[in-house]
Amino acid sequence: MSTKPKLKKRTKKKSIYPKVIRDITLGDSMEGEIKLPIHGYCQTDWYRCGVSAGWSVLKYFRPHADFRRFEKRCRPDPTTGTDKCHLQQALRNQGVRTTTKHITFKTIKQSIDDGKPILMSIYTGNHTYHWIVIYGYKEKPKTVFIIGRTIPGFSKKAFPWKKLRKLDNDVLPLIASGGVRRSATGKSNARGSSSRQGPGEPPSDPTI
């Protein structure tokens, strides 16, 4: 009696191409620079800037957060990118609150001093918007330090505030808070649950 040969079960290949990758080290603060000890991530495609920016903020407050869970709630779209409301909900789902407001250099200074990074959507031309993270500042001259290096012209970390504010748009920035992290001025930002990882330690996953 003949038997039918067993067919090999097809398994879906797992992509080894990371969706976001760890940025190069953001460097220590020089004289006059105030920076949060945040580790930046950048996207590997053109539409996940909101995911990578949000992930940088989430890992700052929640070093052991789950990327797949976060990305799923961000719902990045290949055509429109990441919606602000979805980004807020994804952060809130993992314990990070956000406040929406217009920002000035004074607002940035106060937020960074309090240990709160800022998610900001900027207009890059040709009907294109890009999410970045403001994680530091320098008063003289007025400069902000950003994460968001995938767009040409934004590879540098230091950006003149006078130039950056002109790229602001109708999408109000998000000031994030939550968790116990050390602020840029050395004060404890004790809001929410504590982190198991020190504020100066890098996240354990170099790629996602």
Protein backbone atom coordinates (compact mmCIF):
# COMPACT_ATOMS: atom_id res chain seq x y z
CA MET A 1 0.00 0.00 0.00
CA SER A 2 1.43 3.32 -1.00
CA THR A 3 1.41 6.26 1.35
CA LYS A 4 1.34 9.90 0.46
CA PRO A 5 4.58 11.70 1.13
CA LYS A 6 4.41 14.10 4.04
CA LEU A 7 4.33 17.70 2.96
CA LYS A 8 6.65 20.02 4.76
CA LYS A 9 4.80 22.57 6.79
CA ARG A 10 5.51 26.05 5.55
CA THR A 11 6.79 28.33 8.23
CA LYS A 12 6.68 32.05 7.92
CA LYS A 13 10.17 33.42 7.89
CA LYS A 14 10.84 35.85 10.66
CA SER A 15 12.25 39.11 9.39
CA ILE A 16 15.72 39.79 10.67
CA TYR A 17 15.58 43.38 9.42
CA PRO A 18 15.12 45.64 12.44
CA LYS A 19 12.32 48.20 12.42
CA VAL A 20 14.21 50.61 14.62
CA ILE A 21 17.86 50.60 15.59
CA ARG A 22 19.87 52.13 18.38
CA ASP A 23 21.30 55.49 17.48
CA ILE A 24 24.97 56.18 17.96
CA THR A 25 25.84 57.35 21.45
CA LEU A 26 24.40 60.74 22.20
CA GLY A 27 27.49 61.84 24.06
CA ASP A 28 28.13 63.51 27.39
CA SER A 29 27.11 67.05 28.20
CA MET A 30 29.69 69.72 27.53
CA GLU A 31 29.89 72.97 29.47
CA GLY A 32 26.58 74.79 29.32
CA GLU A 33 24.70 71.79 27.89
CA ILE A 34 21.82 70.20 29.79
CA LYS A 35 20.83 66.75 28.51
CA LEU A 36 18.65 63.89 29.70
CA PRO A 37 20.35 60.46 29.84
CA ILE A 38 18.15 59.14 27.06
CA HIS A 39 19.22 56.60 24.43
CA GLY A 40 18.03 57.41 20.95
CA TYR A 41 16.54 55.06 18.37
CA CYS A 42 16.06 55.76 14.67
CA GLN A 43 13.86 54.18 12.03
CA THR A 44 14.99 51.86 9.25
CA ASP A 45 12.16 52.83 6.89
CA TRP A 46 10.62 56.15 5.97
CA TYR A 47 7.36 56.03 7.96
CA ARG A 48 8.21 54.77 11.47
CA CYS A 49 9.66 58.02 12.82
CA GLY A 50 6.81 58.24 15.36
CA VAL A 51 7.49 54.70 16.53
CA SER A 52 11.23 55.24 16.90
CA ALA A 53 10.80 58.62 18.62
CA GLY A 54 8.16 57.22 20.96
CA TRP A 55 10.29 54.16 21.65
CA SER A 56 13.23 56.38 22.66
CA VAL A 57 10.97 58.11 25.20
CA LEU A 58 9.36 54.90 26.41
CA LYS A 59 12.72 53.19 26.98
CA TYR A 60 13.84 56.21 29.00
CA PHE A 61 10.98 55.71 31.44
CA ARG A 62 10.42 51.97 30.98
CA PRO A 63 13.71 50.20 30.13
CA HIS A 64 12.01 46.79 29.99
CA ALA A 65 9.06 47.80 27.80
CA ASP A 66 7.90 45.49 25.02
CA PHE A 67 8.55 46.89 21.53
CA ARG A 68 6.01 44.77 19.63
CA ARG A 69 3.25 45.72 22.01
CA PHE A 70 4.20 49.39 21.70
CA GLU A 71 4.46 49.36 17.90
CA LYS A 72 1.12 47.58 17.55
CA ARG A 73 -0.61 50.32 19.49
CA CYS A 74 1.19 53.06 17.52
CA ARG A 75 -0.35 51.59 14.34
CA PRO A 76 2.21 53.09 11.91
CA ASP A 77 0.83 53.48 8.41
CA PRO A 78 3.06 53.24 5.30
CA THR A 79 1.21 56.21 3.80
CA THR A 80 0.55 58.54 6.73
CA GLY A 81 3.07 57.44 9.36
CA THR A 82 2.13 57.51 13.05
CA ASP A 83 -0.87 59.50 14.22
CA LYS A 84 -0.41 61.66 17.30
CA CYS A 85 -3.40 60.12 19.11
CA HIS A 86 -2.13 56.59 18.51
CA LEU A 87 1.32 57.57 19.78
CA GLN A 88 -0.19 59.06 22.93
CA GLN A 89 -2.31 55.95 23.53
CA ALA A 90 0.66 53.64 23.00
CA LEU A 91 2.73 55.54 25.56
CA ARG A 92 -0.17 55.78 28.03
CA ASN A 93 -0.75 52.03 27.70
CA GLN A 94 2.71 51.44 29.13
CA GLY A 95 2.51 54.04 31.87
CA VAL A 96 3.93 57.17 30.25
CA ARG A 97 1.70 60.23 30.35
CA THR A 98 1.89 63.09 27.87
CA THR A 99 0.84 66.73 28.06
CA THR A 100 -0.05 68.58 24.86
CA LYS A 101 0.91 72.24 24.64
CA HIS A 102 2.65 74.90 22.58
CA ILE A 103 6.29 75.11 23.53
CA THR A 104 8.77 77.91 23.83
CA PHE A 105 12.44 77.71 24.70
CA LYS A 106 11.41 78.41 28.31
CA THR A 107 9.01 75.43 28.18
CA ILE A 108 11.79 73.19 26.84
CA LYS A 109 14.18 74.31 29.57
CA GLN A 110 11.63 73.64 32.32
CA SER A 111 10.63 70.25 30.90
CA ILE A 112 14.20 69.00 30.51
CA ASP A 113 15.11 70.27 33.99
CA ASP A 114 12.16 68.23 35.31
CA GLY A 115 13.32 65.10 33.47
CA LYS A 116 10.63 65.24 30.76
CA PRO A 117 11.64 64.66 27.11
CA ILE A 118 9.50 66.26 24.40
CA LEU A 119 8.07 64.59 21.30
CA MET A 120 7.70 67.12 18.52
CA SER A 121 6.35 66.86 14.98
CA ILE A 122 8.16 69.12 12.50
CA TYR A 123 7.42 70.01 8.90
CA THR A 124 10.27 68.96 6.61
CA GLY A 125 8.78 70.16 3.31
CA ASN A 126 6.89 68.53 0.44
CA HIS A 127 3.87 67.74 2.65
CA THR A 128 6.09 65.62 4.92
CA TYR A 129 6.19 65.62 8.71
CA HIS A 130 8.75 64.04 11.02
CA TRP A 131 8.69 63.09 14.70
CA ILE A 132 11.73 64.02 16.77
CA VAL A 133 12.62 63.95 20.48
CA ILE A 134 14.01 67.00 22.27
CA TYR A 135 16.21 65.72 25.07
CA GLY A 136 18.42 68.69 25.96
CA TYR A 137 19.21 72.36 25.57
CA LYS A 138 21.88 75.02 25.79
CA GLU A 139 21.01 78.59 26.72
CA LYS A 140 23.80 80.51 24.96
CA PRO A 141 23.17 80.40 22.09
CA LYS A 142 19.67 78.96 22.34
CA THR A 143 20.12 75.39 21.13
CA VAL A 144 18.13 72.17 21.48
CA PHE A 145 19.44 68.61 21.27
CA ILE A 146 17.30 66.25 19.26
CA ILE A 147 16.88 62.61 18.26
CA GLY A 148 15.64 62.20 14.71
CA ARG A 149 18.63 61.68 12.48
CA THR A 150 17.12 59.85 9.50
CA ILE A 151 16.01 62.96 7.62
CA PRO A 152 18.76 64.75 5.62
CA GLY A 153 19.78 67.87 7.51
CA PHE A 154 18.74 66.44 10.87
CA SER A 155 21.68 64.14 11.39
CA LYS A 156 23.29 66.57 13.80
CA LYS A 157 22.15 66.43 17.40
CA ALA A 158 22.40 70.16 18.19
CA PHE A 159 19.92 72.41 16.43
CA PRO A 160 19.41 76.18 16.76
CA TRP A 161 16.07 76.79 18.45
CA LYS A 162 15.44 79.79 16.19
CA LYS A 163 15.57 77.48 13.17
CA LEU A 164 13.72 74.53 14.69
CA ARG A 165 10.72 76.55 15.87
CA LYS A 166 10.06 77.63 12.27
CA LEU A 167 9.45 73.95 11.43
CA ASP A 168 6.69 73.68 14.04
CA ASN A 169 3.21 72.86 12.72
CA ASP A 170 -0.36 72.37 13.85
CA VAL A 171 0.49 69.12 15.66
CA LEU A 172 1.13 70.23 19.23
CA PRO A 173 4.24 68.73 20.89
CA LEU A 174 3.92 66.06 23.59
CA ILE A 175 5.73 66.54 26.91
CA ALA A 176 6.23 63.07 28.42
CA SER A 177 6.31 62.15 32.10
CA GLY A 178 6.16 58.96 34.13
CA GLY A 179 8.47 56.70 36.06
CA VAL A 180 11.35 57.50 38.38
CA ARG A 181 14.21 58.90 36.37
CA ARG A 182 17.03 61.27 37.19
CA SER A 183 16.40 64.70 35.67
CA ALA A 184 18.99 66.64 33.72
CA THR A 185 19.72 68.79 36.77
CA GLY A 186 20.17 65.77 39.03
CA LYS A 187 16.76 65.98 40.72
CA SER A 188 14.66 62.84 41.02
CA ASN A 189 11.66 62.78 38.70
CA ALA A 190 9.53 60.57 40.94
CA ARG A 191 6.26 60.15 39.08
CA GLY A 192 4.78 56.70 38.65
CA SER A 193 6.53 53.38 39.15
CA SER A 194 10.25 53.01 39.59
CA SER A 195 12.60 51.67 36.97
CA ARG A 196 14.79 48.61 37.50
CA GLN A 197 17.53 50.10 35.38
CA GLY A 198 19.77 53.04 36.23
CA PRO A 199 19.21 56.26 34.28
CA GLY A 200 22.67 56.17 32.75
CA GLU A 201 22.57 52.54 31.64
CA PRO A 202 21.89 51.69 27.99
CA PRO A 203 18.87 49.57 27.04
CA SER A 204 19.69 45.90 26.67
CA ASP A 205 18.48 45.55 23.07
CA PRO A 206 20.69 47.18 20.42
CA THR A 207 18.18 46.38 17.67
CA ILE A 208 14.46 45.68 17.60
